[in-house]
């Protein structure tokens, strides 16, 4: 890919309710980059499978939903509030464990990185294996995390109004189960890549995490090569900063 067509890629990974989505979207807004919540792609498949009365653990039931993942998806699809229903939450790990589902969604992610909406100069993708599997050569990699009890508190606050019978203990159990499922799946190993920048949001406010992330992006994408002309070090190709880029 030529320097003129290079799209900066920022990968944001992390466990459920860590704040990675909030951080990734805010980061994309500040940078003027296209944003993709990759978890929503799995939610679309899970929701559509459940709507048809299918079993999210069975490929034969899930495969009829895969044609919905067509690039590019409109915002009205990704913002469907039904994607956030508790039963969809439960079905997402099941559909994401199916290799055929992951292959379809991986192809969508590749298309998004190559040709982001609005011809944006860069993309921010959030998920669970972006930096390790989907975009191992990403320009910047983040792993956003928080302790399990704090993540459970956040998820409970998000869902308590729509699910009156929910308790914090139930949410914590689900968070721990989801983490364990991720650790058991090789493709979804819940750990940061070796070259990742870890952001712990347990006690940090969203704007504090965003500013910390922006400082890291600035440092990684604005490094000058001070080596002499005789050096064999290659300069990194960096996409031009978009007009809306603010640090």
C-alpha atoms as a PDB file:
ATOM      1  CA  UNK A   1       0.000   0.000   0.000  1.00  0.00           C
ATOM      2  CA  UNK A   2       1.373   3.402  -0.906  1.00  0.00           C
ATOM      3  CA  UNK A   3       1.949   6.178   1.567  1.00  0.00           C
ATOM      4  CA  UNK A   4      -0.875   8.177   0.000  1.00  0.00           C
ATOM      5  CA  UNK A   5      -3.407   5.408   0.529  1.00  0.00           C
ATOM      6  CA  UNK A   6      -2.231   4.198   3.936  1.00  0.00           C
ATOM      7  CA  UNK A   7      -5.035   4.251   6.493  1.00  0.00           C
ATOM      8  CA  UNK A   8      -3.947   4.564  10.095  1.00  0.00           C
ATOM      9  CA  UNK A   9      -5.360   1.697  12.165  1.00  0.00           C
ATOM     10  CA  UNK A  10      -5.935   1.924  15.907  1.00  0.00           C
ATOM     11  CA  UNK A  11      -6.928  -1.306  17.664  1.00  0.00           C
ATOM     12  CA  UNK A  12      -8.814  -1.192  20.966  1.00  0.00           C
ATOM     13  CA  UNK A  13      -9.305  -4.473  22.815  1.00  0.00           C
ATOM     14  CA  UNK A  14     -10.547  -5.400  26.239  1.00  0.00           C
ATOM     15  CA  UNK A  15     -13.078  -7.426  28.246  1.00  0.00           C
ATOM     16  CA  UNK A  16     -16.805  -6.744  28.552  1.00  0.00           C
ATOM     17  CA  UNK A  17     -17.809  -3.469  30.253  1.00  0.00           C
ATOM     18  CA  UNK A  18     -14.209  -2.276  30.485  1.00  0.00           C
ATOM     19  CA  UNK A  19     -15.066   1.020  28.801  1.00  0.00           C
ATOM     20  CA  UNK A  20     -13.337   0.152  25.548  1.00  0.00           C
ATOM     21  CA  UNK A  21     -16.346   1.140  23.428  1.00  0.00           C
ATOM     22  CA  UNK A  22     -16.722   4.525  25.084  1.00  0.00           C
ATOM     23  CA  UNK A  23     -13.006   5.162  24.721  1.00  0.00           C
ATOM     24  CA  UNK A  24     -12.749   3.939  21.120  1.00  0.00           C
ATOM     25  CA  UNK A  25     -15.694   5.994  19.876  1.00  0.00           C
ATOM     26  CA  UNK A  26     -14.476   9.155  21.622  1.00  0.00           C
ATOM     27  CA  UNK A  27     -10.987   8.580  20.237  1.00  0.00           C
ATOM     28  CA  UNK A  28     -12.334   8.203  16.699  1.00  0.00           C
ATOM     29  CA  UNK A  29     -14.406  11.384  17.077  1.00  0.00           C
ATOM     30  CA  UNK A  30     -11.412  13.398  18.220  1.00  0.00           C
ATOM     31  CA  UNK A  31      -9.163  12.075  15.477  1.00  0.00           C
ATOM     32  CA  UNK A  32     -11.703  12.314  12.678  1.00  0.00           C
ATOM     33  CA  UNK A  33     -11.384   8.554  12.065  1.00  0.00           C
ATOM     34  CA  UNK A  34     -14.045   6.011  11.173  1.00  0.00           C
ATOM     35  CA  UNK A  35     -15.207   3.894  14.121  1.00  0.00           C
ATOM     36  CA  UNK A  36     -16.328   0.270  14.170  1.00  0.00           C
ATOM     37  CA  UNK A  37     -17.756  -1.539  17.183  1.00  0.00           C
ATOM     38  CA  UNK A  38     -16.900  -5.046  16.051  1.00  0.00           C
ATOM     39  CA  UNK A  39     -19.010  -6.545  18.826  1.00  0.00           C
ATOM     40  CA  UNK A  40     -22.092  -5.141  17.121  1.00  0.00           C
ATOM     41  CA  UNK A  41     -21.402  -7.369  14.127  1.00  0.00           C
ATOM     42  CA  UNK A  42     -21.646 -10.442  16.336  1.00  0.00           C
ATOM     43  CA  UNK A  43     -24.719  -8.971  17.968  1.00  0.00           C
ATOM     44  CA  UNK A  44     -26.428  -8.672  14.589  1.00  0.00           C
ATOM     45  CA  UNK A  45     -25.834 -12.365  13.916  1.00  0.00           C
ATOM     46  CA  UNK A  46     -26.935 -13.379  17.420  1.00  0.00           C
ATOM     47  CA  UNK A  47     -30.069 -11.220  17.339  1.00  0.00           C
ATOM     48  CA  UNK A  48     -31.136 -12.401  13.872  1.00  0.00           C
ATOM     49  CA  UNK A  49     -30.606 -16.036  14.880  1.00  0.00           C
ATOM     50  CA  UNK A  50     -32.740 -15.628  17.992  1.00  0.00           C
ATOM     51  CA  UNK A  51     -35.437 -13.782  16.018  1.00  0.00           C
ATOM     52  CA  UNK A  52     -35.752 -16.835  13.790  1.00  0.00           C
ATOM     53  CA  UNK A  53     -35.958 -19.130  16.806  1.00  0.00           C
ATOM     54  CA  UNK A  54     -32.543 -20.611  16.083  1.00  0.00           C
ATOM     55  CA  UNK A  55     -29.900 -22.023  18.375  1.00  0.00           C
ATOM     56  CA  UNK A  56     -26.885 -19.653  18.492  1.00  0.00           C
ATOM     57  CA  UNK A  57     -24.549 -22.591  19.127  1.00  0.00           C
ATOM     58  CA  UNK A  58     -25.457 -24.378  15.868  1.00  0.00           C
ATOM     59  CA  UNK A  59     -23.967 -23.361  12.535  1.00  0.00           C
ATOM     60  CA  UNK A  60     -27.005 -24.540  10.602  1.00  0.00           C
ATOM     61  CA  UNK A  61     -29.187 -22.104  12.563  1.00  0.00           C
ATOM     62  CA  UNK A  62     -26.677 -19.246  12.516  1.00  0.00           C
ATOM     63  CA  UNK A  63     -25.631 -19.363   8.862  1.00  0.00           C
ATOM     64  CA  UNK A  64     -28.962 -17.952   7.657  1.00  0.00           C
ATOM     65  CA  UNK A  65     -28.077 -14.730   9.492  1.00  0.00           C
ATOM     66  CA  UNK A  66     -24.601 -14.329   8.008  1.00  0.00           C
ATOM     67  CA  UNK A  67     -25.754 -12.618   4.764  1.00  0.00           C
ATOM     68  CA  UNK A  68     -26.753  -9.644   6.946  1.00  0.00           C
ATOM     69  CA  UNK A  69     -23.048  -8.817   7.424  1.00  0.00           C
ATOM     70  CA  UNK A  70     -22.562  -6.900   4.183  1.00  0.00           C
ATOM     71  CA  UNK A  71     -20.114  -4.023   3.808  1.00  0.00           C
ATOM     72  CA  UNK A  72     -20.935  -1.279   4.480  1.00  0.00           C
ATOM     73  CA  UNK A  73     -23.631  -1.584   7.118  1.00  0.00           C
ATOM     74  CA  UNK A  74     -25.796   1.478   7.633  1.00  0.00           C
ATOM     75  CA  UNK A  75     -25.883   3.220  11.028  1.00  0.00           C
ATOM     76  CA  UNK A  76     -29.527   2.262  11.464  1.00  0.00           C
ATOM     77  CA  UNK A  77     -28.468  -1.397  11.560  1.00  0.00           C
ATOM     78  CA  UNK A  78     -25.637  -0.950  14.045  1.00  0.00           C
ATOM     79  CA  UNK A  79     -27.755   1.261  16.327  1.00  0.00           C
ATOM     80  CA  UNK A  80     -30.668  -1.182  16.555  1.00  0.00           C
ATOM     81  CA  UNK A  81     -31.549  -1.122  20.271  1.00  0.00           C
ATOM     82  CA  UNK A  82     -32.653  -4.758  20.149  1.00  0.00           C
ATOM     83  CA  UNK A  83     -28.992  -5.706  19.744  1.00  0.00           C
ATOM     84  CA  UNK A  84     -28.469  -4.801  23.408  1.00  0.00           C
ATOM     85  CA  UNK A  85     -31.131  -7.079  24.845  1.00  0.00           C
ATOM     86  CA  UNK A  86     -29.953  -9.436  27.647  1.00  0.00           C
ATOM     87  CA  UNK A  87     -30.715 -12.560  25.594  1.00  0.00           C
ATOM     88  CA  UNK A  88     -28.522 -11.201  22.808  1.00  0.00           C
ATOM     89  CA  UNK A  89     -25.738 -10.614  25.349  1.00  0.00           C
ATOM     90  CA  UNK A  90     -25.947 -14.291  26.264  1.00  0.00           C
ATOM     91  CA  UNK A  91     -25.955 -15.431  22.627  1.00  0.00           C
ATOM     92  CA  UNK A  92     -22.955 -13.369  21.463  1.00  0.00           C
ATOM     93  CA  UNK A  93     -20.221 -15.612  22.966  1.00  0.00           C
ATOM     94  CA  UNK A  94     -21.955 -18.610  21.400  1.00  0.00           C
ATOM     95  CA  UNK A  95     -22.059 -17.284  17.848  1.00  0.00           C
ATOM     96  CA  UNK A  96     -18.566 -15.810  18.154  1.00  0.00           C
ATOM     97  CA  UNK A  97     -17.203 -19.281  18.923  1.00  0.00           C
ATOM     98  CA  UNK A  98     -18.262 -20.528  15.466  1.00  0.00           C
ATOM     99  CA  UNK A  99     -15.315 -20.286  13.002  1.00  0.00           C
ATOM    100  CA  UNK A 100     -17.563 -19.563  10.011  1.00  0.00           C
ATOM    101  CA  UNK A 101     -19.056 -16.572  11.811  1.00  0.00           C
ATOM    102  CA  UNK A 102     -15.642 -15.224  12.701  1.00  0.00           C
ATOM    103  CA  UNK A 103     -14.480 -15.604   9.081  1.00  0.00           C
ATOM    104  CA  UNK A 104     -17.388 -13.531   7.738  1.00  0.00           C
ATOM    105  CA  UNK A 105     -16.888 -10.820  10.330  1.00  0.00           C
ATOM    106  CA  UNK A 106     -13.127 -10.800   9.823  1.00  0.00           C
ATOM    107  CA  UNK A 107     -13.721 -10.118   6.116  1.00  0.00           C
ATOM    108  CA  UNK A 108     -15.988  -7.211   7.036  1.00  0.00           C
ATOM    109  CA  UNK A 109     -13.346  -5.775   9.358  1.00  0.00           C
ATOM    110  CA  UNK A 110     -10.699  -6.046   6.631  1.00  0.00           C
ATOM    111  CA  UNK A 111     -12.952  -4.182   4.183  1.00  0.00           C
ATOM    112  CA  UNK A 112     -13.611  -1.485   6.785  1.00  0.00           C
ATOM    113  CA  UNK A 113      -9.899  -0.943   7.397  1.00  0.00           C
ATOM    114  CA  UNK A 114      -9.122  -0.810   3.691  1.00  0.00           C
ATOM    115  CA  UNK A 115     -11.982   1.484   2.689  1.00  0.00           C
ATOM    116  CA  UNK A 116     -13.354   3.319   5.753  1.00  0.00           C
ATOM    117  CA  UNK A 117     -16.631   5.262   5.430  1.00  0.00           C
ATOM    118  CA  UNK A 118     -16.230   8.834   4.260  1.00  0.00           C
ATOM    119  CA  UNK A 119     -12.717   8.057   3.049  1.00  0.00           C
ATOM    120  CA  UNK A 120     -11.507   8.762   6.588  1.00  0.00           C
ATOM    121  CA  UNK A 121      -7.698   8.841   6.978  1.00  0.00           C
ATOM    122  CA  UNK A 122      -7.840   6.238   9.710  1.00  0.00           C
ATOM    123  CA  UNK A 123      -9.990   3.779  11.623  1.00  0.00           C
ATOM    124  CA  UNK A 124     -10.555   2.838  15.250  1.00  0.00           C
ATOM    125  CA  UNK A 125     -11.802  -0.707  15.802  1.00  0.00           C
ATOM    126  CA  UNK A 126     -12.815  -2.017  19.192  1.00  0.00           C
ATOM    127  CA  UNK A 127     -13.270  -5.657  20.079  1.00  0.00           C
ATOM    128  CA  UNK A 128     -11.567  -8.533  21.821  1.00  0.00           C
ATOM    129  CA  UNK A 129      -8.866  -9.712  19.419  1.00  0.00           C
ATOM    130  CA  UNK A 130      -8.286  -6.734  17.122  1.00  0.00           C
ATOM    131  CA  UNK A 131      -4.637  -6.083  17.937  1.00  0.00           C
ATOM    132  CA  UNK A 132      -3.672  -9.737  18.223  1.00  0.00           C
ATOM    133  CA  UNK A 133      -5.587 -11.291  15.317  1.00  0.00           C
ATOM    134  CA  UNK A 134      -7.530  -8.862  13.117  1.00  0.00           C
ATOM    135  CA  UNK A 135      -4.968  -6.064  12.828  1.00  0.00           C
ATOM    136  CA  UNK A 136      -1.642  -7.336  14.216  1.00  0.00           C
ATOM    137  CA  UNK A 137       0.147  -4.544  12.335  1.00  0.00           C
ATOM    138  CA  UNK A 138      -2.068  -1.770  13.692  1.00  0.00           C
ATOM    139  CA  UNK A 139      -0.299   1.587  14.093  1.00  0.00           C
ATOM    140  CA  UNK A 140      -1.455   1.863  17.726  1.00  0.00           C
ATOM    141  CA  UNK A 141      -2.844  -0.858  19.990  1.00  0.00           C
ATOM    142  CA  UNK A 142      -4.767  -0.321  23.202  1.00  0.00           C
ATOM    143  CA  UNK A 143      -6.010  -2.804  25.773  1.00  0.00           C
ATOM    144  CA  UNK A 144      -8.692  -1.224  27.964  1.00  0.00           C
ATOM    145  CA  UNK A 145      -9.408  -3.050  31.189  1.00  0.00           C
ATOM    146  CA  UNK A 146     -10.939  -2.691  34.651  1.00  0.00           C
ATOM    147  CA  UNK A 147     -11.403  -5.079  37.548  1.00  0.00           C
ATOM    148  CA  UNK A 148     -14.328  -7.497  37.292  1.00  0.00           C
ATOM    149  CA  UNK A 149     -16.361  -5.968  40.124  1.00  0.00           C
ATOM    150  CA  UNK A 150     -16.200  -2.489  38.584  1.00  0.00           C
ATOM    151  CA  UNK A 151     -17.175  -3.863  35.194  1.00  0.00           C
ATOM    152  CA  UNK A 152     -20.101  -5.695  36.781  1.00  0.00           C
ATOM    153  CA  UNK A 153     -21.221  -2.476  38.487  1.00  0.00           C
ATOM    154  CA  UNK A 154     -21.196  -0.638  35.160  1.00  0.00           C
ATOM    155  CA  UNK A 155     -23.075  -3.375  33.323  1.00  0.00           C
ATOM    156  CA  UNK A 156     -25.657  -3.546  36.131  1.00  0.00           C
ATOM    157  CA  UNK A 157     -26.274   0.206  35.910  1.00  0.00           C
ATOM    158  CA  UNK A 158     -26.761  -0.129  32.149  1.00  0.00           C
ATOM    159  CA  UNK A 159     -29.253  -2.985  32.371  1.00  0.00           C
ATOM    160  CA  UNK A 160     -31.142  -2.627  35.650  1.00  0.00           C
ATOM    161  CA  UNK A 161     -33.989  -0.541  34.216  1.00  0.00           C
ATOM    162  CA  UNK A 162     -34.687  -2.919  31.346  1.00  0.00           C
ATOM    163  CA  UNK A 163     -34.226  -6.022  33.517  1.00  0.00           C
ATOM    164  CA  UNK A 164     -35.875  -5.447  36.941  1.00  0.00           C
ATOM    165  CA  UNK A 165     -34.937  -8.901  38.246  1.00  0.00           C
ATOM    166  CA  UNK A 166     -31.241  -8.356  37.660  1.00  0.00           C
ATOM    167  CA  UNK A 167     -28.788  -8.201  40.581  1.00  0.00           C
ATOM    168  CA  UNK A 168     -25.162  -7.136  40.776  1.00  0.00           C
ATOM    169  CA  UNK A 169     -24.251 -10.666  41.817  1.00  0.00           C
ATOM    170  CA  UNK A 170     -25.850 -12.069  38.658  1.00  0.00           C
ATOM    171  CA  UNK A 171     -23.960  -9.599  36.490  1.00  0.00           C
ATOM    172  CA  UNK A 172     -20.634 -10.335  38.207  1.00  0.00           C
ATOM    173  CA  UNK A 173     -21.173 -14.057  37.665  1.00  0.00           C
ATOM    174  CA  UNK A 174     -21.857 -13.411  33.983  1.00  0.00           C
ATOM    175  CA  UNK A 175     -18.779 -11.182  33.640  1.00  0.00           C
ATOM    176  CA  UNK A 176     -16.554 -13.851  35.193  1.00  0.00           C
ATOM    177  CA  UNK A 177     -18.096 -16.533  32.993  1.00  0.00           C
ATOM    178  CA  UNK A 178     -17.580 -14.439  29.873  1.00  0.00           C
ATOM    179  CA  UNK A 179     -13.941 -13.805  30.806  1.00  0.00           C
ATOM    180  CA  UNK A 180     -13.370 -17.521  31.351  1.00  0.00           C
ATOM    181  CA  UNK A 181     -14.979 -18.372  28.007  1.00  0.00           C
ATOM    182  CA  UNK A 182     -12.704 -15.880  26.290  1.00  0.00           C
ATOM    183  CA  UNK A 183      -9.624 -17.327  27.941  1.00  0.00           C
ATOM    184  CA  UNK A 184     -10.563 -20.803  26.777  1.00  0.00           C
ATOM    185  CA  UNK A 185     -10.980 -19.775  23.149  1.00  0.00           C
ATOM    186  CA  UNK A 186      -7.613 -19.403  21.440  1.00  0.00           C
ATOM    187  CA  UNK A 187      -8.945 -16.855  18.953  1.00  0.00           C
ATOM    188  CA  UNK A 188     -10.360 -14.769  21.761  1.00  0.00           C
ATOM    189  CA  UNK A 189      -7.509 -14.971  24.257  1.00  0.00           C
ATOM    190  CA  UNK A 190      -8.274 -12.282  26.798  1.00  0.00           C
ATOM    191  CA  UNK A 191      -4.851 -10.745  27.206  1.00  0.00           C
ATOM    192  CA  UNK A 192      -3.091  -7.752  25.675  1.00  0.00           C
ATOM    193  CA  UNK A 193      -0.784  -8.167  22.696  1.00  0.00           C
ATOM    194  CA  UNK A 194       2.931  -7.760  23.396  1.00  0.00           C
ATOM    195  CA  UNK A 195       3.088  -4.275  21.854  1.00  0.00           C
ATOM    196  CA  UNK A 196      -0.105  -2.914  23.392  1.00  0.00           C
ATOM    197  CA  UNK A 197      -0.718   0.154  25.570  1.00  0.00           C
ATOM    198  CA  UNK A 198      -2.773  -0.858  28.600  1.00  0.00           C
ATOM    199  CA  UNK A 199      -5.372   1.583  29.949  1.00  0.00           C
ATOM    200  CA  UNK A 200      -6.916   0.681  33.321  1.00  0.00           C
ATOM    201  CA  UNK A 201     -10.282   2.408  33.698  1.00  0.00           C
ATOM    202  CA  UNK A 202     -11.183   0.995  37.124  1.00  0.00           C
ATOM    203  CA  UNK A 203     -10.829   4.387  38.803  1.00  0.00           C
ATOM    204  CA  UNK A 204     -10.419   6.664  35.780  1.00  0.00           C
ATOM    205  CA  UNK A 205     -13.152   8.830  34.297  1.00  0.00           C
ATOM    206  CA  UNK A 206     -13.873   8.458  30.562  1.00  0.00           C
ATOM    207  CA  UNK A 207     -12.399  11.871  29.705  1.00  0.00           C
ATOM    208  CA  UNK A 208      -9.223  11.054  31.649  1.00  0.00           C
ATOM    209  CA  UNK A 209      -8.828   7.798  29.743  1.00  0.00           C
ATOM    210  CA  UNK A 210      -9.423   9.603  26.452  1.00  0.00           C
ATOM    211  CA  UNK A 211      -6.766  12.226  27.152  1.00  0.00           C
ATOM    212  CA  UNK A 212      -4.295   9.527  28.168  1.00  0.00           C
ATOM    213  CA  UNK A 213      -5.034   7.662  24.959  1.00  0.00           C
ATOM    214  CA  UNK A 214      -4.629  10.776  22.839  1.00  0.00           C
ATOM    215  CA  UNK A 215      -1.210  11.425  24.351  1.00  0.00           C
ATOM    216  CA  UNK A 216      -0.177   7.895  23.429  1.00  0.00           C
ATOM    217  CA  UNK A 217      -1.479   8.295  19.869  1.00  0.00           C
ATOM    218  CA  UNK A 218       0.401  11.572  19.503  1.00  0.00           C
ATOM    219  CA  UNK A 219       3.614   9.990  20.741  1.00  0.00           C
ATOM    220  CA  UNK A 220       3.335   6.962  18.473  1.00  0.00           C
ATOM    221  CA  UNK A 221       2.220   8.732  15.294  1.00  0.00           C
ATOM    222  CA  UNK A 222       4.373  11.845  15.577  1.00  0.00           C
ATOM    223  CA  UNK A 223       7.763  10.324  16.379  1.00  0.00           C
ATOM    224  CA  UNK A 224      10.513  11.911  14.280  1.00  0.00           C
ATOM    225  CA  UNK A 225      13.275   9.686  12.948  1.00  0.00           C
ATOM    226  CA  UNK A 226      16.415  11.407  14.263  1.00  0.00           C
ATOM    227  CA  UNK A 227      18.777   8.864  12.797  1.00  0.00           C
ATOM    228  CA  UNK A 228      21.440  10.037  10.422  1.00  0.00           C
ATOM    229  CA  UNK A 229      21.142   9.735   6.688  1.00  0.00           C
ATOM    230  CA  UNK A 230      23.483   6.742   6.827  1.00  0.00           C
ATOM    231  CA  UNK A 231      21.189   4.840   9.175  1.00  0.00           C
ATOM    232  CA  UNK A 232      19.370   1.751   7.947  1.00  0.00           C
ATOM    233  CA  UNK A 233      16.307   2.503  10.124  1.00  0.00           C
ATOM    234  CA  UNK A 234      13.170   2.865   8.005  1.00  0.00           C
ATOM    235  CA  UNK A 235      10.859   5.759   8.643  1.00  0.00           C
ATOM    236  CA  UNK A 236       7.304   4.742   9.477  1.00  0.00           C
ATOM    237  CA  UNK A 237       4.658   5.762   6.982  1.00  0.00           C
ATOM    238  CA  UNK A 238       2.102   7.905   8.744  1.00  0.00           C
ATOM    239  CA  UNK A 239      -1.229   9.037   7.355  1.00  0.00           C
ATOM    240  CA  UNK A 240      -1.643  12.828   7.219  1.00  0.00           C
ATOM    241  CA  UNK A 241      -3.453  14.285  10.204  1.00  0.00           C
ATOM    242  CA  UNK A 242      -7.114  14.990   9.354  1.00  0.00           C
ATOM    243  CA  UNK A 243      -8.491  18.556   9.745  1.00  0.00           C
ATOM    244  CA  UNK A 244     -10.415  17.506  12.880  1.00  0.00           C
ATOM    245  CA  UNK A 245      -7.379  16.028  14.638  1.00  0.00           C
ATOM    246  CA  UNK A 246      -7.144  17.592  18.109  1.00  0.00           C
ATOM    247  CA  UNK A 247      -4.776  16.726  20.895  1.00  0.00           C
END
